[in-house]
Amino acid sequence: MSATDPVIEDIVDEFDLLGDWEERYRYLIDLGRQLPPLADSERIDANKVQGCVSQVWLILSREADGTLTIRGDSDAHIVKGLVALLVRLYSGRGADAILAIDAREVLSRIGLAEHLSPQRSNGLASMLLRIREVAAG
């Protein structure tokens, strides 16, 4: 994905405006709070992401134009923020665009990669794998 992708650049710019990591974590948690809630009927094993210590649900649906719509939730505040970040990064894009995005590079640019615990990093990898698998479909 081009380094000039407007969504990626907006995310990088927003994190660049924040100060220390406490402020960035608060922002991530706020992003998670803005996610639309999932219905109880959507919180099923089929939508659950395996490999996450927290409970994480991702609902991915392919639209008529080939783009993916992604919705999600988690029972952990920071993880829910990560879900919101991934929704923003990937939802509304076609398979080729999704597969071209290097999420690790984006997370590195916002300084997030080195601030995640190993468990959160593993959970994030599981979420990314699910999104990429569905996109590759």
N, C-alpha and C. Protein backbone atom coordinates (compact mmCIF):
# COMPACT_ATOMS: atom_id res chain seq x y z
N MET A 1 0.85 -1.17 0.00
CA MET A 1 0.00 0.00 0.00
C MET A 1 0.89 1.22 0.00
N SER A 2 0.49 2.19 -0.76
CA SER A 2 1.26 3.42 -0.89
C SER A 2 1.40 4.13 0.45
N ALA A 3 2.56 4.71 0.66
CA ALA A 3 2.81 5.46 1.90
C ALA A 3 1.93 6.71 1.94
N THR A 4 1.31 7.07 0.82
CA THR A 4 0.46 8.25 0.78
C THR A 4 -1.03 7.90 0.89
N ASP A 5 -1.34 6.71 1.35
CA ASP A 5 -2.73 6.32 1.56
C ASP A 5 -3.33 7.27 2.58
N PRO A 6 -4.44 7.95 2.24
CA PRO A 6 -4.98 8.97 3.15
C PRO A 6 -5.44 8.43 4.51
N VAL A 7 -5.99 7.24 4.55
CA VAL A 7 -6.42 6.68 5.83
C VAL A 7 -5.21 6.42 6.72
N ILE A 8 -4.19 5.82 6.15
CA ILE A 8 -2.98 5.53 6.91
C ILE A 8 -2.34 6.83 7.38
N GLU A 9 -2.25 7.80 6.49
CA GLU A 9 -1.62 9.08 6.86
C GLU A 9 -2.40 9.79 7.96
N ASP A 10 -3.74 9.72 7.91
CA ASP A 10 -4.56 10.33 8.96
C ASP A 10 -4.28 9.66 10.31
N ILE A 11 -4.19 8.34 10.32
CA ILE A 11 -3.93 7.61 11.56
C ILE A 11 -2.55 8.00 12.10
N VAL A 12 -1.54 8.02 11.23
CA VAL A 12 -0.19 8.38 11.66
C VAL A 12 -0.17 9.81 12.20
N ASP A 13 -0.82 10.73 11.49
CA ASP A 13 -0.86 12.13 11.94
C ASP A 13 -1.54 12.26 13.30
N GLU A 14 -2.63 11.55 13.52
CA GLU A 14 -3.35 11.62 14.80
C GLU A 14 -2.45 11.15 15.95
N PHE A 15 -1.75 10.04 15.75
CA PHE A 15 -0.88 9.53 16.80
C PHE A 15 0.34 10.43 17.00
N ASP A 16 0.81 11.07 15.92
CA ASP A 16 1.94 11.99 16.05
C ASP A 16 1.60 13.19 16.92
N LEU A 17 0.33 13.59 16.94
CA LEU A 17 -0.09 14.73 17.75
C LEU A 17 -0.13 14.42 19.24
N LEU A 18 -0.19 13.14 19.56
CA LEU A 18 -0.29 12.74 20.96
C LEU A 18 1.10 12.72 21.60
N GLY A 19 1.11 12.93 22.89
CA GLY A 19 2.38 12.98 23.60
C GLY A 19 2.90 11.60 23.96
N ASP A 20 2.92 11.31 25.24
CA ASP A 20 3.50 10.07 25.73
C ASP A 20 2.57 8.88 25.47
N TRP A 21 3.05 7.70 25.89
CA TRP A 21 2.28 6.51 25.60
C TRP A 21 1.02 6.38 26.43
N GLU A 22 0.99 7.00 27.57
CA GLU A 22 -0.26 6.99 28.34
C GLU A 22 -1.35 7.71 27.56
N GLU A 23 -1.00 8.82 26.96
CA GLU A 23 -1.96 9.59 26.15
C GLU A 23 -2.38 8.78 24.91
N ARG A 24 -1.45 8.08 24.30
CA ARG A 24 -1.77 7.27 23.12
C ARG A 24 -2.66 6.08 23.48
N TYR A 25 -2.41 5.46 24.62
CA TYR A 25 -3.29 4.37 25.08
C TYR A 25 -4.70 4.89 25.35
N ARG A 26 -4.80 6.07 25.97
CA ARG A 26 -6.13 6.66 26.22
C ARG A 26 -6.86 6.90 24.90
N TYR A 27 -6.13 7.38 23.91
CA TYR A 27 -6.71 7.63 22.59
C TYR A 27 -7.19 6.31 21.97
N LEU A 28 -6.38 5.28 22.08
CA LEU A 28 -6.75 3.97 21.56
C LEU A 28 -8.02 3.46 22.24
N ILE A 29 -8.10 3.63 23.55
CA ILE A 29 -9.30 3.22 24.29
C ILE A 29 -10.51 4.03 23.84
N ASP A 30 -10.31 5.33 23.60
CA ASP A 30 -11.41 6.17 23.09
C ASP A 30 -11.88 5.70 21.72
N LEU A 31 -10.95 5.29 20.87
CA LEU A 31 -11.34 4.76 19.55
C LEU A 31 -12.23 3.53 19.73
N GLY A 32 -11.86 2.67 20.67
CA GLY A 32 -12.65 1.48 20.93
C GLY A 32 -14.05 1.80 21.42
N ARG A 33 -14.16 2.84 22.23
CA ARG A 33 -15.48 3.23 22.75
C ARG A 33 -16.40 3.73 21.65
N GLN A 34 -15.83 4.16 20.53
CA GLN A 34 -16.63 4.68 19.42
C GLN A 34 -17.15 3.58 18.49
N LEU A 35 -16.69 2.36 18.70
CA LEU A 35 -17.19 1.26 17.85
C LEU A 35 -18.67 1.04 18.10
N PRO A 36 -19.45 0.85 17.03
CA PRO A 36 -20.85 0.49 17.24
C PRO A 36 -20.93 -0.86 17.93
N PRO A 37 -21.85 -1.02 18.87
CA PRO A 37 -21.94 -2.30 19.58
C PRO A 37 -22.40 -3.43 18.67
N LEU A 38 -21.96 -4.63 19.01
CA LEU A 38 -22.43 -5.82 18.30
C LEU A 38 -23.66 -6.35 19.03
N ALA A 39 -24.54 -6.96 18.28
CA ALA A 39 -25.71 -7.61 18.89
C ALA A 39 -25.24 -8.87 19.59
N ASP A 40 -25.95 -9.28 20.63
CA ASP A 40 -25.61 -10.52 21.34
C ASP A 40 -25.56 -11.70 20.37
N SER A 41 -26.43 -11.68 19.36
CA SER A 41 -26.48 -12.78 18.39
C SER A 41 -25.22 -12.84 17.52
N GLU A 42 -24.43 -11.77 17.50
CA GLU A 42 -23.19 -11.74 16.72
C GLU A 42 -21.98 -12.20 17.54
N ARG A 43 -22.15 -12.29 18.84
CA ARG A 43 -21.06 -12.71 19.73
C ARG A 43 -21.06 -14.23 19.85
N ILE A 44 -20.81 -14.84 18.71
CA ILE A 44 -20.83 -16.30 18.64
C ILE A 44 -19.43 -16.81 18.29
N ASP A 45 -19.22 -18.10 18.51
CA ASP A 45 -17.90 -18.70 18.27
C ASP A 45 -17.43 -18.49 16.83
N ALA A 46 -18.33 -18.52 15.87
CA ALA A 46 -17.94 -18.36 14.47
C ALA A 46 -17.30 -16.99 14.21
N ASN A 47 -17.67 -15.98 15.00
CA ASN A 47 -17.12 -14.64 14.83
C ASN A 47 -15.97 -14.35 15.79
N LYS A 48 -15.69 -15.29 16.67
CA LYS A 48 -14.65 -15.09 17.67
C LYS A 48 -13.28 -15.33 17.04
N VAL A 49 -12.32 -14.49 17.39
CA VAL A 49 -10.96 -14.64 16.88
C VAL A 49 -10.18 -15.53 17.83
N GLN A 50 -9.71 -16.65 17.31
CA GLN A 50 -8.90 -17.56 18.11
C GLN A 50 -7.49 -17.01 18.21
N GLY A 51 -6.84 -17.28 19.32
CA GLY A 51 -5.47 -16.81 19.51
C GLY A 51 -5.37 -15.51 20.28
N CYS A 52 -6.52 -14.99 20.72
CA CYS A 52 -6.54 -13.77 21.53
C CYS A 52 -6.80 -14.16 22.97
N VAL A 53 -6.06 -13.57 23.89
CA VAL A 53 -6.30 -13.82 25.31
C VAL A 53 -7.65 -13.22 25.70
N SER A 54 -7.91 -12.00 25.21
CA SER A 54 -9.21 -11.36 25.42
C SER A 54 -10.22 -11.98 24.46
N GLN A 55 -11.47 -11.73 24.73
CA GLN A 55 -12.49 -12.15 23.77
C GLN A 55 -12.57 -11.08 22.68
N VAL A 56 -12.46 -11.51 21.44
CA VAL A 56 -12.51 -10.60 20.29
C VAL A 56 -13.44 -11.22 19.25
N TRP A 57 -14.34 -10.39 18.75
CA TRP A 57 -15.24 -10.82 17.68
C TRP A 57 -15.01 -9.91 16.49
N LEU A 58 -14.87 -10.51 15.31
CA LEU A 58 -14.79 -9.76 14.06
C LEU A 58 -15.86 -10.28 13.12
N ILE A 59 -16.62 -9.37 12.55
CA ILE A 59 -17.64 -9.72 11.57
C ILE A 59 -17.21 -9.07 10.27
N LEU A 60 -16.93 -9.91 9.30
CA LEU A 60 -16.46 -9.45 8.00
C LEU A 60 -17.48 -9.84 6.95
N SER A 61 -17.94 -8.88 6.18
CA SER A 61 -18.89 -9.19 5.13
C SER A 61 -18.45 -8.53 3.83
N ARG A 62 -18.58 -9.30 2.76
CA ARG A 62 -18.21 -8.80 1.43
C ARG A 62 -19.42 -8.11 0.82
N GLU A 63 -19.22 -6.88 0.40
CA GLU A 63 -20.31 -6.10 -0.20
C GLU A 63 -20.41 -6.42 -1.69
N ALA A 64 -21.49 -5.95 -2.31
CA ALA A 64 -21.73 -6.23 -3.73
C ALA A 64 -20.59 -5.71 -4.61
N ASP A 65 -19.95 -4.61 -4.20
CA ASP A 65 -18.86 -4.04 -5.00
C ASP A 65 -17.51 -4.71 -4.72
N GLY A 66 -17.52 -5.75 -3.86
CA GLY A 66 -16.29 -6.48 -3.57
C GLY A 66 -15.51 -5.98 -2.37
N THR A 67 -15.93 -4.86 -1.81
CA THR A 67 -15.23 -4.36 -0.63
C THR A 67 -15.67 -5.15 0.60
N LEU A 68 -14.83 -5.13 1.62
CA LEU A 68 -15.17 -5.79 2.88
C LEU A 68 -15.62 -4.74 3.89
N THR A 69 -16.67 -5.07 4.59
CA THR A 69 -17.09 -4.27 5.73
C THR A 69 -16.69 -5.06 6.96
N ILE A 70 -16.03 -4.38 7.88
CA ILE A 70 -15.54 -5.04 9.08
C ILE A 70 -16.12 -4.35 10.30
N ARG A 71 -16.66 -5.16 11.18
CA ARG A 71 -17.14 -4.66 12.47
C ARG A 71 -16.54 -5.56 13.53
N GLY A 72 -16.42 -5.06 14.74
CA GLY A 72 -15.83 -5.89 15.77
C GLY A 72 -16.01 -5.35 17.16
N ASP A 73 -15.57 -6.15 18.12
CA ASP A 73 -15.67 -5.78 19.53
C ASP A 73 -14.71 -6.64 20.33
N SER A 74 -14.42 -6.21 21.54
CA SER A 74 -13.62 -6.98 22.47
C SER A 74 -14.07 -6.65 23.88
N ASP A 75 -13.77 -7.56 24.81
CA ASP A 75 -14.10 -7.30 26.21
C ASP A 75 -12.96 -6.58 26.94
N ALA A 76 -11.87 -6.28 26.25
CA ALA A 76 -10.73 -5.57 26.85
C ALA A 76 -10.58 -4.20 26.18
N HIS A 77 -10.42 -3.15 26.97
CA HIS A 77 -10.41 -1.78 26.44
C HIS A 77 -9.35 -1.53 25.38
N ILE A 78 -8.11 -1.88 25.66
CA ILE A 78 -7.04 -1.61 24.69
C ILE A 78 -7.23 -2.46 23.44
N VAL A 79 -7.62 -3.71 23.62
CA VAL A 79 -7.84 -4.59 22.47
C VAL A 79 -9.00 -4.06 21.63
N LYS A 80 -10.03 -3.57 22.28
CA LYS A 80 -11.15 -2.97 21.55
C LYS A 80 -10.67 -1.78 20.72
N GLY A 81 -9.72 -1.03 21.27
CA GLY A 81 -9.11 0.08 20.52
C GLY A 81 -8.34 -0.43 19.31
N LEU A 82 -7.64 -1.54 19.48
CA LEU A 82 -6.93 -2.15 18.34
C LEU A 82 -7.92 -2.61 17.27
N VAL A 83 -9.05 -3.17 17.71
CA VAL A 83 -10.09 -3.57 16.76
C VAL A 83 -10.56 -2.34 15.99
N ALA A 84 -10.81 -1.24 16.69
CA ALA A 84 -11.26 0.00 16.04
C ALA A 84 -10.23 0.49 15.03
N LEU A 85 -8.96 0.39 15.39
CA LEU A 85 -7.89 0.80 14.49
C LEU A 85 -7.89 -0.07 13.22
N LEU A 86 -8.06 -1.37 13.39
CA LEU A 86 -8.09 -2.27 12.23
C LEU A 86 -9.32 -2.04 11.37
N VAL A 87 -10.46 -1.78 12.01
CA VAL A 87 -11.68 -1.48 11.26
C VAL A 87 -11.44 -0.25 10.40
N ARG A 88 -10.84 0.76 11.00
CA ARG A 88 -10.58 2.00 10.26
C ARG A 88 -9.58 1.77 9.13
N LEU A 89 -8.60 0.95 9.37
CA LEU A 89 -7.55 0.71 8.40
C LEU A 89 -8.04 -0.14 7.22
N TYR A 90 -8.89 -1.13 7.49
CA TYR A 90 -9.25 -2.11 6.45
C TYR A 90 -10.68 -2.03 5.92
N SER A 91 -11.65 -1.63 6.72
CA SER A 91 -13.04 -1.70 6.29
C SER A 91 -13.30 -0.76 5.11
N GLY A 92 -14.10 -1.25 4.17
CA GLY A 92 -14.44 -0.44 3.00
C GLY A 92 -13.45 -0.57 1.86
N ARG A 93 -12.50 -1.46 2.00
CA ARG A 93 -11.49 -1.66 0.95
C ARG A 93 -11.73 -3.00 0.25
N GLY A 94 -11.24 -3.09 -0.96
CA GLY A 94 -11.28 -4.34 -1.70
C GLY A 94 -10.15 -5.26 -1.26
N ALA A 95 -10.21 -6.50 -1.70
CA ALA A 95 -9.24 -7.51 -1.29
C ALA A 95 -7.81 -7.10 -1.63
N ASP A 96 -7.57 -6.60 -2.84
CA ASP A 96 -6.21 -6.23 -3.23
C ASP A 96 -5.65 -5.14 -2.33
N ALA A 97 -6.48 -4.16 -2.02
CA ALA A 97 -6.03 -3.06 -1.15
C ALA A 97 -5.74 -3.57 0.26
N ILE A 98 -6.60 -4.46 0.76
CA ILE A 98 -6.40 -5.02 2.10
C ILE A 98 -5.10 -5.81 2.16
N LEU A 99 -4.89 -6.64 1.16
CA LEU A 99 -3.69 -7.48 1.15
C LEU A 99 -2.42 -6.66 0.94
N ALA A 100 -2.54 -5.46 0.36
CA ALA A 100 -1.37 -4.61 0.12
C ALA A 100 -0.96 -3.81 1.36
N ILE A 101 -1.83 -3.71 2.35
CA ILE A 101 -1.50 -2.94 3.55
C ILE A 101 -0.63 -3.77 4.47
N ASP A 102 0.48 -3.20 4.87
CA ASP A 102 1.36 -3.84 5.84
C ASP A 102 1.03 -3.22 7.20
N ALA A 103 0.14 -3.88 7.92
CA ALA A 103 -0.31 -3.34 9.21
C ALA A 103 0.84 -3.20 10.19
N ARG A 104 1.79 -4.10 10.13
CA ARG A 104 2.95 -4.02 11.04
C ARG A 104 3.73 -2.72 10.79
N GLU A 105 3.85 -2.35 9.52
CA GLU A 105 4.56 -1.12 9.17
C GLU A 105 3.78 0.09 9.69
N VAL A 106 2.45 0.05 9.55
CA VAL A 106 1.63 1.15 10.05
C VAL A 106 1.76 1.25 11.58
N LEU A 107 1.66 0.12 12.26
CA LEU A 107 1.79 0.11 13.72
C LEU A 107 3.16 0.58 14.17
N SER A 108 4.16 0.26 13.39
CA SER A 108 5.52 0.72 13.69
C SER A 108 5.60 2.24 13.52
N ARG A 109 4.97 2.76 12.48
CA ARG A 109 4.99 4.21 12.23
C ARG A 109 4.32 4.99 13.34
N ILE A 110 3.29 4.41 13.96
CA ILE A 110 2.63 5.13 15.06
C ILE A 110 3.24 4.76 16.41
N GLY A 111 4.28 3.92 16.37
CA GLY A 111 5.00 3.56 17.58
C GLY A 111 4.28 2.55 18.45
N LEU A 112 3.29 1.89 17.90
CA LEU A 112 2.48 0.98 18.70
C LEU A 112 3.12 -0.40 18.82
N ALA A 113 3.79 -0.83 17.78
CA ALA A 113 4.33 -2.20 17.74
C ALA A 113 5.18 -2.51 18.97
N GLU A 114 6.04 -1.60 19.36
CA GLU A 114 6.94 -1.88 20.49
C GLU A 114 6.30 -1.65 21.85
N HIS A 115 5.06 -1.18 21.88
CA HIS A 115 4.39 -0.92 23.15
C HIS A 115 3.30 -1.94 23.47
N LEU A 116 3.15 -2.96 22.64
CA LEU A 116 2.15 -3.99 22.91
C LEU A 116 2.80 -5.15 23.65
N SER A 117 2.07 -5.69 24.60
CA SER A 117 2.55 -6.88 25.30
C SER A 117 2.60 -8.04 24.31
N PRO A 118 3.37 -9.09 24.60
CA PRO A 118 3.40 -10.25 23.70
C PRO A 118 2.00 -10.84 23.47
N GLN A 119 1.17 -10.87 24.52
CA GLN A 119 -0.18 -11.42 24.36
C GLN A 119 -1.00 -10.56 23.40
N ARG A 120 -0.92 -9.24 23.55
CA ARG A 120 -1.68 -8.36 22.65
C ARG A 120 -1.13 -8.46 21.23
N SER A 121 0.18 -8.57 21.09
CA SER A 121 0.78 -8.73 19.76
C SER A 121 0.29 -10.01 19.09
N ASN A 122 0.21 -11.09 19.86
CA ASN A 122 -0.30 -12.35 19.31
C ASN A 122 -1.76 -12.22 18.91
N GLY A 123 -2.56 -11.57 19.75
CA GLY A 123 -3.97 -11.35 19.44
C GLY A 123 -4.14 -10.49 18.20
N LEU A 124 -3.32 -9.45 18.09
CA LEU A 124 -3.35 -8.59 16.91
C LEU A 124 -3.00 -9.39 15.66
N ALA A 125 -1.99 -10.24 15.76
CA ALA A 125 -1.62 -11.08 14.62
C ALA A 125 -2.78 -11.99 14.22
N SER A 126 -3.51 -12.52 15.19
CA SER A 126 -4.67 -13.37 14.89
C SER A 126 -5.77 -12.58 14.19
N MET A 127 -6.00 -11.34 14.64
CA MET A 127 -7.02 -10.50 13.99
C MET A 127 -6.60 -10.19 12.55
N LEU A 128 -5.33 -9.85 12.35
CA LEU A 128 -4.85 -9.54 11.01
C LEU A 128 -4.95 -10.76 10.09
N LEU A 129 -4.62 -11.93 10.63
CA LEU A 129 -4.71 -13.16 9.85
C LEU A 129 -6.15 -13.40 9.40
N ARG A 130 -7.11 -13.21 10.30
CA ARG A 130 -8.54 -13.41 9.95
C ARG A 130 -8.94 -12.45 8.83
N ILE A 131 -8.56 -11.19 8.96
CA ILE A 131 -8.94 -10.20 7.95
C ILE A 131 -8.31 -10.55 6.59
N ARG A 132 -7.05 -10.92 6.61
CA ARG A 132 -6.35 -11.25 5.36
C ARG A 132 -6.92 -12.53 4.73
N GLU A 133 -7.26 -13.52 5.55
CA GLU A 133 -7.84 -14.76 5.03
C GLU A 133 -9.18 -14.49 4.34
N VAL A 134 -10.02 -13.69 4.97
CA VAL A 134 -11.33 -13.38 4.38
C VAL A 134 -11.13 -12.56 3.10
N ALA A 135 -10.20 -11.60 3.13
CA ALA A 135 -9.96 -10.79 1.95
C ALA A 135 -9.46 -11.66 0.78
N ALA A 136 -8.57 -12.59 1.08
CA ALA A 136 -8.02 -13.45 0.05
C ALA A 136 -9.06 -14.44 -0.48
N GLY A 137 -10.06 -14.72 0.38
CA GLY A 137 -11.20 -15.56 0.19
C GLY A 137 -11.31 -16.49 -0.88
